[in-house]
């Protein structure tokens, strides 16, 4: 019986130590947790003197996906992410209007395999051996930069032909 109690105590201690890191750090009363918002683009510094505004991201067709991610996100948040039921053609057209090459894009179908509207559409732009990958739909807009897959593509799975 003593071995059983010792084993139970050891498991409980291990769980307590393992779960201790799962709680958010405590903040002092009256303090706020760190912000996850991007820095302000205000032209006023705390001292009241004008500061340099943050420049809008730009597209560099010779750059990598990571170097163009801020620009891709700006387009995604302003054009694509505001429309939860956006369709693939509109996504591609918005990206083309922003300067991305349509021939370098991949996009998933607007409909599921049983003909229902897709809740989310994944899309990508291949840039110099790297990929900008985005998702739009009922989850809003999300994106990341990734290496090109061994297949030479950016997306895994079924994609549709971009023929317009």
C-alpha atoms as a PDB file:
ATOM      1  CA  UNK A   1       0.000   0.000   0.000  1.00  0.00           C
ATOM      2  CA  UNK A   2       2.912   2.385   0.773  1.00  0.00           C
ATOM      3  CA  UNK A   3       4.290   2.030  -2.779  1.00  0.00           C
ATOM      4  CA  UNK A   4       0.856   2.898  -4.212  1.00  0.00           C
ATOM      5  CA  UNK A   5       0.624   6.094  -2.114  1.00  0.00           C
ATOM      6  CA  UNK A   6       4.170   7.081  -3.042  1.00  0.00           C
ATOM      7  CA  UNK A   7       3.383   6.591  -6.754  1.00  0.00           C
ATOM      8  CA  UNK A   8       0.186   8.654  -6.481  1.00  0.00           C
ATOM      9  CA  UNK A   9       2.090  11.424  -4.669  1.00  0.00           C
ATOM     10  CA  UNK A  10       4.813  11.441  -7.357  1.00  0.00           C
ATOM     11  CA  UNK A  11       2.242  11.672 -10.188  1.00  0.00           C
ATOM     12  CA  UNK A  12       0.392  14.486  -8.403  1.00  0.00           C
ATOM     13  CA  UNK A  13       3.653  16.393  -7.870  1.00  0.00           C
ATOM     14  CA  UNK A  14       4.629  15.966 -11.529  1.00  0.00           C
ATOM     15  CA  UNK A  15       1.231  17.230 -12.691  1.00  0.00           C
ATOM     16  CA  UNK A  16       1.430  20.237 -10.376  1.00  0.00           C
ATOM     17  CA  UNK A  17       4.867  21.163 -11.705  1.00  0.00           C
ATOM     18  CA  UNK A  18       3.829  20.555 -15.328  1.00  0.00           C
ATOM     19  CA  UNK A  19       0.643  22.602 -15.061  1.00  0.00           C
ATOM     20  CA  UNK A  20       2.248  25.491 -13.193  1.00  0.00           C
ATOM     21  CA  UNK A  21       3.363  27.059 -16.487  1.00  0.00           C
ATOM     22  CA  UNK A  22      -0.170  26.908 -17.923  1.00  0.00           C
ATOM     23  CA  UNK A  23      -1.495  29.911 -16.042  1.00  0.00           C
ATOM     24  CA  UNK A  24      -0.985  33.462 -17.306  1.00  0.00           C
ATOM     25  CA  UNK A  25       1.445  35.599 -15.345  1.00  0.00           C
ATOM     26  CA  UNK A  26      -0.156  37.650 -12.617  1.00  0.00           C
ATOM     27  CA  UNK A  27      -0.298  41.390 -13.000  1.00  0.00           C
ATOM     28  CA  UNK A  28      -0.222  43.892 -10.207  1.00  0.00           C
ATOM     29  CA  UNK A  29      -3.503  45.649  -9.424  1.00  0.00           C
ATOM     30  CA  UNK A  30      -3.982  48.553 -11.807  1.00  0.00           C
ATOM     31  CA  UNK A  31      -1.542  47.252 -14.438  1.00  0.00           C
ATOM     32  CA  UNK A  32      -2.367  45.984 -17.885  1.00  0.00           C
ATOM     33  CA  UNK A  33      -0.896  42.892 -19.556  1.00  0.00           C
ATOM     34  CA  UNK A  34       1.468  43.567 -22.476  1.00  0.00           C
ATOM     35  CA  UNK A  35      -0.353  44.720 -25.595  1.00  0.00           C
ATOM     36  CA  UNK A  36      -0.540  42.515 -28.669  1.00  0.00           C
ATOM     37  CA  UNK A  37      -1.585  45.475 -30.807  1.00  0.00           C
ATOM     38  CA  UNK A  38       0.817  46.897 -33.404  1.00  0.00           C
ATOM     39  CA  UNK A  39       2.596  50.117 -32.493  1.00  0.00           C
ATOM     40  CA  UNK A  40       0.630  53.312 -32.934  1.00  0.00           C
ATOM     41  CA  UNK A  41       1.062  55.315 -36.099  1.00  0.00           C
ATOM     42  CA  UNK A  42       0.540  58.574 -34.236  1.00  0.00           C
ATOM     43  CA  UNK A  43       2.583  61.531 -35.362  1.00  0.00           C
ATOM     44  CA  UNK A  44       2.828  62.887 -31.835  1.00  0.00           C
ATOM     45  CA  UNK A  45       5.397  61.676 -29.387  1.00  0.00           C
ATOM     46  CA  UNK A  46       4.728  61.645 -25.623  1.00  0.00           C
ATOM     47  CA  UNK A  47       6.493  65.003 -25.358  1.00  0.00           C
ATOM     48  CA  UNK A  48       4.031  66.560 -27.813  1.00  0.00           C
ATOM     49  CA  UNK A  49       6.604  67.051 -30.563  1.00  0.00           C
ATOM     50  CA  UNK A  50       5.962  65.517 -33.970  1.00  0.00           C
ATOM     51  CA  UNK A  51       7.546  62.109 -34.528  1.00  0.00           C
ATOM     52  CA  UNK A  52       8.166  60.178 -37.709  1.00  0.00           C
ATOM     53  CA  UNK A  53       5.036  58.283 -38.830  1.00  0.00           C
ATOM     54  CA  UNK A  54       5.356  54.570 -39.478  1.00  0.00           C
ATOM     55  CA  UNK A  55       5.625  53.982 -43.222  1.00  0.00           C
ATOM     56  CA  UNK A  56       3.020  51.820 -44.904  1.00  0.00           C
ATOM     57  CA  UNK A  57       4.421  48.456 -46.030  1.00  0.00           C
ATOM     58  CA  UNK A  58       5.314  48.108 -49.695  1.00  0.00           C
ATOM     59  CA  UNK A  59       5.599  45.209 -52.121  1.00  0.00           C
ATOM     60  CA  UNK A  60       9.018  44.029 -53.283  1.00  0.00           C
ATOM     61  CA  UNK A  61       8.655  41.533 -56.161  1.00  0.00           C
ATOM     62  CA  UNK A  62      12.327  40.567 -55.733  1.00  0.00           C
ATOM     63  CA  UNK A  63      11.878  39.926 -52.005  1.00  0.00           C
ATOM     64  CA  UNK A  64      10.951  36.771 -50.128  1.00  0.00           C
ATOM     65  CA  UNK A  65       7.608  35.926 -48.591  1.00  0.00           C
ATOM     66  CA  UNK A  66       8.853  37.011 -45.172  1.00  0.00           C
ATOM     67  CA  UNK A  67      10.028  40.354 -46.562  1.00  0.00           C
ATOM     68  CA  UNK A  68       6.585  40.904 -48.135  1.00  0.00           C
ATOM     69  CA  UNK A  69       4.457  39.547 -45.289  1.00  0.00           C
ATOM     70  CA  UNK A  70       3.599  42.988 -43.835  1.00  0.00           C
ATOM     71  CA  UNK A  71       2.342  44.145 -47.240  1.00  0.00           C
ATOM     72  CA  UNK A  72       0.391  40.897 -47.765  1.00  0.00           C
ATOM     73  CA  UNK A  73      -1.174  41.375 -44.319  1.00  0.00           C
ATOM     74  CA  UNK A  74      -2.107  44.980 -45.078  1.00  0.00           C
ATOM     75  CA  UNK A  75      -3.927  43.890 -48.239  1.00  0.00           C
ATOM     76  CA  UNK A  76      -5.495  40.926 -46.468  1.00  0.00           C
ATOM     77  CA  UNK A  77      -6.793  42.959 -43.549  1.00  0.00           C
ATOM     78  CA  UNK A  78      -8.168  45.858 -45.591  1.00  0.00           C
ATOM     79  CA  UNK A  79      -9.479  44.118 -48.706  1.00  0.00           C
ATOM     80  CA  UNK A  80      -9.975  40.427 -47.952  1.00  0.00           C
ATOM     81  CA  UNK A  81     -10.537  40.083 -44.226  1.00  0.00           C
ATOM     82  CA  UNK A  82     -13.494  42.458 -44.111  1.00  0.00           C
ATOM     83  CA  UNK A  83     -15.672  40.051 -46.096  1.00  0.00           C
ATOM     84  CA  UNK A  84     -16.446  36.773 -44.244  1.00  0.00           C
ATOM     85  CA  UNK A  85     -18.100  35.237 -47.323  1.00  0.00           C
ATOM     86  CA  UNK A  86     -15.471  36.361 -49.851  1.00  0.00           C
ATOM     87  CA  UNK A  87     -14.986  34.131 -52.893  1.00  0.00           C
ATOM     88  CA  UNK A  88     -11.740  33.000 -54.518  1.00  0.00           C
ATOM     89  CA  UNK A  89     -12.036  35.193 -57.594  1.00  0.00           C
ATOM     90  CA  UNK A  90     -12.321  38.334 -55.447  1.00  0.00           C
ATOM     91  CA  UNK A  91      -9.281  37.268 -53.375  1.00  0.00           C
ATOM     92  CA  UNK A  92      -7.163  36.704 -56.480  1.00  0.00           C
ATOM     93  CA  UNK A  93      -8.368  39.950 -58.063  1.00  0.00           C
ATOM     94  CA  UNK A  94      -7.519  41.925 -54.888  1.00  0.00           C
ATOM     95  CA  UNK A  95      -4.032  40.409 -54.771  1.00  0.00           C
ATOM     96  CA  UNK A  96      -3.454  41.109 -58.472  1.00  0.00           C
ATOM     97  CA  UNK A  97      -4.609  44.724 -57.981  1.00  0.00           C
ATOM     98  CA  UNK A  98      -2.042  44.956 -55.160  1.00  0.00           C
ATOM     99  CA  UNK A  99       0.750  43.905 -57.542  1.00  0.00           C
ATOM    100  CA  UNK A 100       1.072  40.146 -56.972  1.00  0.00           C
ATOM    101  CA  UNK A 101       1.517  37.865 -60.000  1.00  0.00           C
ATOM    102  CA  UNK A 102      -1.613  35.823 -60.730  1.00  0.00           C
ATOM    103  CA  UNK A 103       0.514  33.031 -62.261  1.00  0.00           C
ATOM    104  CA  UNK A 104       2.277  32.593 -58.906  1.00  0.00           C
ATOM    105  CA  UNK A 105      -0.986  32.067 -56.990  1.00  0.00           C
ATOM    106  CA  UNK A 106      -2.851  29.020 -55.737  1.00  0.00           C
ATOM    107  CA  UNK A 107      -6.320  28.993 -54.203  1.00  0.00           C
ATOM    108  CA  UNK A 108      -8.673  26.390 -52.774  1.00  0.00           C
ATOM    109  CA  UNK A 109     -12.210  25.947 -54.135  1.00  0.00           C
ATOM    110  CA  UNK A 110     -15.152  28.116 -53.080  1.00  0.00           C
ATOM    111  CA  UNK A 111     -17.273  25.005 -52.542  1.00  0.00           C
ATOM    112  CA  UNK A 112     -16.757  21.816 -50.563  1.00  0.00           C
ATOM    113  CA  UNK A 113     -16.716  18.379 -52.180  1.00  0.00           C
ATOM    114  CA  UNK A 114     -20.483  18.107 -51.562  1.00  0.00           C
ATOM    115  CA  UNK A 115     -21.295  21.501 -53.074  1.00  0.00           C
ATOM    116  CA  UNK A 116     -21.643  23.621 -49.938  1.00  0.00           C
ATOM    117  CA  UNK A 117     -20.007  27.034 -49.644  1.00  0.00           C
ATOM    118  CA  UNK A 118     -16.541  26.723 -48.108  1.00  0.00           C
ATOM    119  CA  UNK A 119     -16.319  28.411 -44.711  1.00  0.00           C
ATOM    120  CA  UNK A 120     -12.713  29.367 -45.397  1.00  0.00           C
ATOM    121  CA  UNK A 121     -10.556  29.674 -48.484  1.00  0.00           C
ATOM    122  CA  UNK A 122      -6.779  29.212 -48.442  1.00  0.00           C
ATOM    123  CA  UNK A 123      -4.611  31.024 -50.961  1.00  0.00           C
ATOM    124  CA  UNK A 124      -0.937  31.570 -51.623  1.00  0.00           C
ATOM    125  CA  UNK A 125       1.559  33.565 -53.628  1.00  0.00           C
ATOM    126  CA  UNK A 126       4.892  32.012 -54.566  1.00  0.00           C
ATOM    127  CA  UNK A 127       7.764  34.493 -54.216  1.00  0.00           C
ATOM    128  CA  UNK A 128      11.357  33.589 -55.022  1.00  0.00           C
ATOM    129  CA  UNK A 129      11.253  30.071 -53.585  1.00  0.00           C
ATOM    130  CA  UNK A 130       9.064  31.052 -50.616  1.00  0.00           C
ATOM    131  CA  UNK A 131       5.319  31.287 -50.007  1.00  0.00           C
ATOM    132  CA  UNK A 132       2.880  33.812 -48.646  1.00  0.00           C
ATOM    133  CA  UNK A 133      -0.055  31.765 -47.363  1.00  0.00           C
ATOM    134  CA  UNK A 134      -3.378  33.259 -46.379  1.00  0.00           C
ATOM    135  CA  UNK A 135      -6.774  32.118 -45.183  1.00  0.00           C
ATOM    136  CA  UNK A 136     -10.002  34.112 -45.360  1.00  0.00           C
ATOM    137  CA  UNK A 137     -13.589  33.410 -44.449  1.00  0.00           C
ATOM    138  CA  UNK A 138     -15.532  32.962 -41.261  1.00  0.00           C
ATOM    139  CA  UNK A 139     -12.315  33.197 -39.220  1.00  0.00           C
ATOM    140  CA  UNK A 140     -11.361  36.543 -40.737  1.00  0.00           C
ATOM    141  CA  UNK A 141      -7.955  36.869 -42.364  1.00  0.00           C
ATOM    142  CA  UNK A 142      -4.831  35.000 -41.213  1.00  0.00           C
ATOM    143  CA  UNK A 143      -1.461  34.562 -42.897  1.00  0.00           C
ATOM    144  CA  UNK A 144       2.132  33.440 -42.578  1.00  0.00           C
ATOM    145  CA  UNK A 145       5.305  33.036 -44.643  1.00  0.00           C
ATOM    146  CA  UNK A 146       6.632  29.544 -45.365  1.00  0.00           C
ATOM    147  CA  UNK A 147       9.221  27.759 -47.487  1.00  0.00           C
ATOM    148  CA  UNK A 148       8.177  26.309 -50.808  1.00  0.00           C
ATOM    149  CA  UNK A 149       7.080  22.669 -50.551  1.00  0.00           C
ATOM    150  CA  UNK A 150       9.112  19.902 -52.233  1.00  0.00           C
ATOM    151  CA  UNK A 151       6.263  19.640 -54.770  1.00  0.00           C
ATOM    152  CA  UNK A 152       7.068  23.177 -55.934  1.00  0.00           C
ATOM    153  CA  UNK A 153       3.733  24.369 -54.565  1.00  0.00           C
ATOM    154  CA  UNK A 154       2.694  26.393 -51.552  1.00  0.00           C
ATOM    155  CA  UNK A 155      -0.604  24.695 -50.684  1.00  0.00           C
ATOM    156  CA  UNK A 156      -1.269  21.061 -49.850  1.00  0.00           C
ATOM    157  CA  UNK A 157      -4.437  19.482 -51.195  1.00  0.00           C
ATOM    158  CA  UNK A 158      -6.927  20.423 -53.868  1.00  0.00           C
ATOM    159  CA  UNK A 159      -6.588  23.805 -55.511  1.00  0.00           C
ATOM    160  CA  UNK A 160      -8.643  25.318 -58.291  1.00  0.00           C
ATOM    161  CA  UNK A 161      -7.530  26.596 -61.659  1.00  0.00           C
ATOM    162  CA  UNK A 162      -7.166  30.357 -61.839  1.00  0.00           C
ATOM    163  CA  UNK A 163      -8.450  30.861 -65.378  1.00  0.00           C
ATOM    164  CA  UNK A 164      -9.902  34.361 -65.475  1.00  0.00           C
END
